[in-house]
Amino acid sequence: MEPLPPPPPPRPDLSSWNARAQPSEGPSRPQIVSVAGWILVVIGAIGGLAGLVLLLVRAQDLANLGTVGDLQLDRVGRGLGLLSLVIGALQVASGVLVLRLSNAGRVLGITLAVLGVIGGLGALGSGAGVVGIGLNGLVLYALVANGAAFRRAGAG
């Protein structure tokens, strides 16, 4: 058997290269959890913007839209605007907390996603209801199925 040739000399441009893997900075976040966090932020921002529009539009413009039974749309619109603004702010906060792997954000996100699915079921006849069910269902699945990622982050 012939002896092996000697190894090549080290390359000068790779003298500081280390082949060992560097430890990660913190716990890794599953991609679906990142998607769920961003969905919460975007849905919350859109809902908050819609609530702000309902609060800022003139009462006369809302009243001109008509009435529903004995309800006047200007008062109903203001109430829905305030509710939408609050829920939107909670969704944005929950999304940011989910992106930071906070378990409180996970619990809040699950709660808001369940409310979103229920609201989507109420609007099932429209396309927005189907989209709302789909997006909130994805958020719900991601946050429930990946609870271990939030526990690892809390322990680290």
Protein backbone atom coordinates (compact mmCIF):
# COMPACT_ATOMS: atom_id res chain seq x y z
CA MET A 1 0.00 0.00 0.00
CA GLU A 2 1.32 3.40 -0.93
CA PRO A 3 1.46 6.13 1.74
CA LEU A 4 -0.96 9.03 1.46
CA PRO A 5 0.40 12.32 0.18
CA PRO A 6 0.84 15.12 2.74
CA PRO A 7 -2.04 17.55 3.22
CA PRO A 8 -1.90 20.80 1.28
CA PRO A 9 -0.57 23.89 3.08
CA PRO A 10 -3.17 26.24 4.62
CA ARG A 11 -4.48 28.99 2.42
CA PRO A 12 -3.53 32.45 3.67
CA ASP A 13 -6.94 33.95 2.82
CA LEU A 14 -8.74 31.38 5.05
CA SER A 15 -6.46 31.58 8.08
CA SER A 16 -9.17 33.06 10.34
CA TRP A 17 -11.93 30.71 9.17
CA ASN A 18 -13.36 28.41 11.83
CA ALA A 19 -15.22 25.32 10.63
CA ARG A 20 -17.14 24.84 13.89
CA ALA A 21 -20.71 26.09 13.97
CA GLN A 22 -21.28 29.24 15.99
CA PRO A 23 -23.90 29.02 18.75
CA SER A 24 -27.13 30.78 17.92
CA GLU A 25 -28.03 34.05 19.63
CA GLY A 26 -31.32 32.84 21.05
CA PRO A 27 -34.13 30.40 20.48
CA SER A 28 -35.12 29.97 16.88
CA ARG A 29 -38.62 30.98 15.87
CA PRO A 30 -40.49 28.58 13.58
CA GLN A 31 -41.37 30.16 10.26
CA ILE A 32 -45.08 29.56 10.68
CA VAL A 33 -44.98 31.46 14.00
CA SER A 34 -43.32 34.37 12.19
CA VAL A 35 -46.06 34.26 9.55
CA ALA A 36 -48.73 34.19 12.28
CA GLY A 37 -47.15 37.19 14.01
CA TRP A 38 -47.05 39.22 10.81
CA ILE A 39 -50.62 38.24 9.93
CA LEU A 40 -51.73 39.53 13.34
CA VAL A 41 -49.85 42.79 12.79
CA VAL A 42 -51.29 43.35 9.30
CA ILE A 43 -54.87 42.38 10.20
CA GLY A 44 -54.66 44.59 13.29
CA ALA A 45 -53.32 47.55 11.33
CA ILE A 46 -56.08 47.25 8.71
CA GLY A 47 -58.78 46.84 11.37
CA GLY A 48 -57.43 49.76 13.37
CA LEU A 49 -57.34 51.93 10.26
CA ALA A 50 -60.95 51.01 9.46
CA GLY A 51 -61.95 51.87 13.03
CA LEU A 52 -60.16 55.19 12.78
CA VAL A 53 -61.99 56.00 9.56
CA LEU A 54 -65.35 55.22 11.17
CA LEU A 55 -64.47 57.47 14.10
CA LEU A 56 -63.24 60.36 11.97
CA VAL A 57 -65.94 60.43 9.29
CA ARG A 58 -68.62 63.06 9.83
CA ALA A 59 -71.76 61.94 11.64
CA GLN A 60 -73.89 63.39 8.84
CA ASP A 61 -72.13 61.18 6.27
CA LEU A 62 -72.82 58.10 8.37
CA ALA A 63 -76.45 59.17 8.91
CA ASN A 64 -76.90 59.59 5.15
CA LEU A 65 -76.12 55.92 4.65
CA GLY A 66 -79.46 55.05 6.22
CA THR A 67 -80.77 53.23 9.23
CA VAL A 68 -81.06 49.63 10.30
CA GLY A 69 -84.37 49.19 12.06
CA ASP A 70 -84.48 51.77 14.84
CA LEU A 71 -80.69 52.15 14.94
CA GLN A 72 -79.04 55.17 13.42
CA LEU A 73 -75.84 54.34 11.57
CA ASP A 74 -73.95 57.32 12.94
CA ARG A 75 -74.10 55.96 16.50
CA VAL A 76 -73.59 52.35 15.44
CA GLY A 77 -70.68 53.39 13.21
CA ARG A 78 -68.95 55.22 16.08
CA GLY A 79 -69.33 52.19 18.35
CA LEU A 80 -68.06 49.80 15.68
CA GLY A 81 -65.20 52.18 14.93
CA LEU A 82 -64.11 52.25 18.55
CA LEU A 83 -64.42 48.47 18.86
CA SER A 84 -62.45 47.94 15.64
CA LEU A 85 -59.75 50.36 16.78
CA VAL A 86 -59.33 48.59 20.13
CA ILE A 87 -59.29 45.08 18.61
CA GLY A 88 -56.87 46.26 15.92
CA ALA A 89 -54.50 47.68 18.53
CA LEU A 90 -54.69 44.42 20.50
CA GLN A 91 -53.93 42.43 17.35
CA VAL A 92 -50.89 44.57 16.53
CA ALA A 93 -49.62 44.24 20.11
CA SER A 94 -50.24 40.50 20.04
CA GLY A 95 -48.41 40.15 16.72
CA VAL A 96 -45.37 42.00 18.04
CA LEU A 97 -45.36 39.86 21.18
CA VAL A 98 -45.67 36.68 19.11
CA LEU A 99 -42.68 37.77 17.02
CA ARG A 100 -40.77 38.18 20.30
CA LEU A 101 -41.91 34.66 21.33
CA SER A 102 -43.79 35.97 24.36
CA ASN A 103 -46.26 33.47 25.80
CA ALA A 104 -48.62 36.33 26.73
CA GLY A 105 -48.69 37.32 23.05
CA ARG A 106 -49.42 33.72 22.14
CA VAL A 107 -52.40 33.54 24.50
CA LEU A 108 -53.72 36.92 23.32
CA GLY A 109 -53.20 35.88 19.69
CA ILE A 110 -55.11 32.62 20.21
CA THR A 111 -57.96 34.53 21.86
CA LEU A 112 -58.13 37.11 19.06
CA ALA A 113 -57.90 34.40 16.38
CA VAL A 114 -60.84 32.53 17.92
CA LEU A 115 -62.84 35.80 17.91
CA GLY A 116 -61.79 36.34 14.29
CA VAL A 117 -62.97 32.87 13.27
CA ILE A 118 -66.31 33.46 15.02
CA GLY A 119 -66.62 36.84 13.28
CA GLY A 120 -65.75 35.20 9.97
CA LEU A 121 -68.49 32.62 10.52
CA GLY A 122 -70.92 35.51 11.03
CA ALA A 123 -69.87 36.99 7.68
CA LEU A 124 -69.63 33.67 5.86
CA GLY A 125 -71.75 34.86 2.94
CA SER A 126 -69.08 37.33 1.84
CA GLY A 127 -65.57 36.80 0.61
CA ALA A 128 -64.20 38.70 3.58
CA GLY A 129 -65.68 36.12 5.93
CA VAL A 130 -63.94 33.26 4.14
CA VAL A 131 -60.61 35.12 4.09
CA GLY A 132 -61.01 36.03 7.75
CA ILE A 133 -61.66 32.41 8.69
CA GLY A 134 -58.64 31.29 6.68
CA LEU A 135 -56.19 33.83 8.09
CA ASN A 136 -57.39 33.52 11.67
CA GLY A 137 -57.47 29.74 11.35
CA LEU A 138 -53.84 29.77 10.22
CA VAL A 139 -52.87 31.99 13.16
CA LEU A 140 -54.77 29.73 15.54
CA TYR A 141 -53.09 26.60 14.18
CA ALA A 142 -49.61 28.14 14.25
CA LEU A 143 -49.88 29.39 17.81
CA VAL A 144 -51.48 26.23 19.23
CA ALA A 145 -49.24 23.75 17.40
CA ASN A 146 -45.99 25.57 18.20
CA GLY A 147 -46.43 26.21 21.90
CA ALA A 148 -43.08 24.54 22.60
CA ALA A 149 -41.26 27.38 20.81
CA PHE A 150 -42.73 29.86 23.30
CA ARG A 151 -41.78 27.65 26.28
CA ARG A 152 -38.18 27.36 25.02
CA ALA A 153 -37.97 31.13 24.66
CA GLY A 154 -39.25 31.66 28.19
CA ALA A 155 -36.70 29.22 29.62
CA GLY A 156 -33.77 30.75 27.71
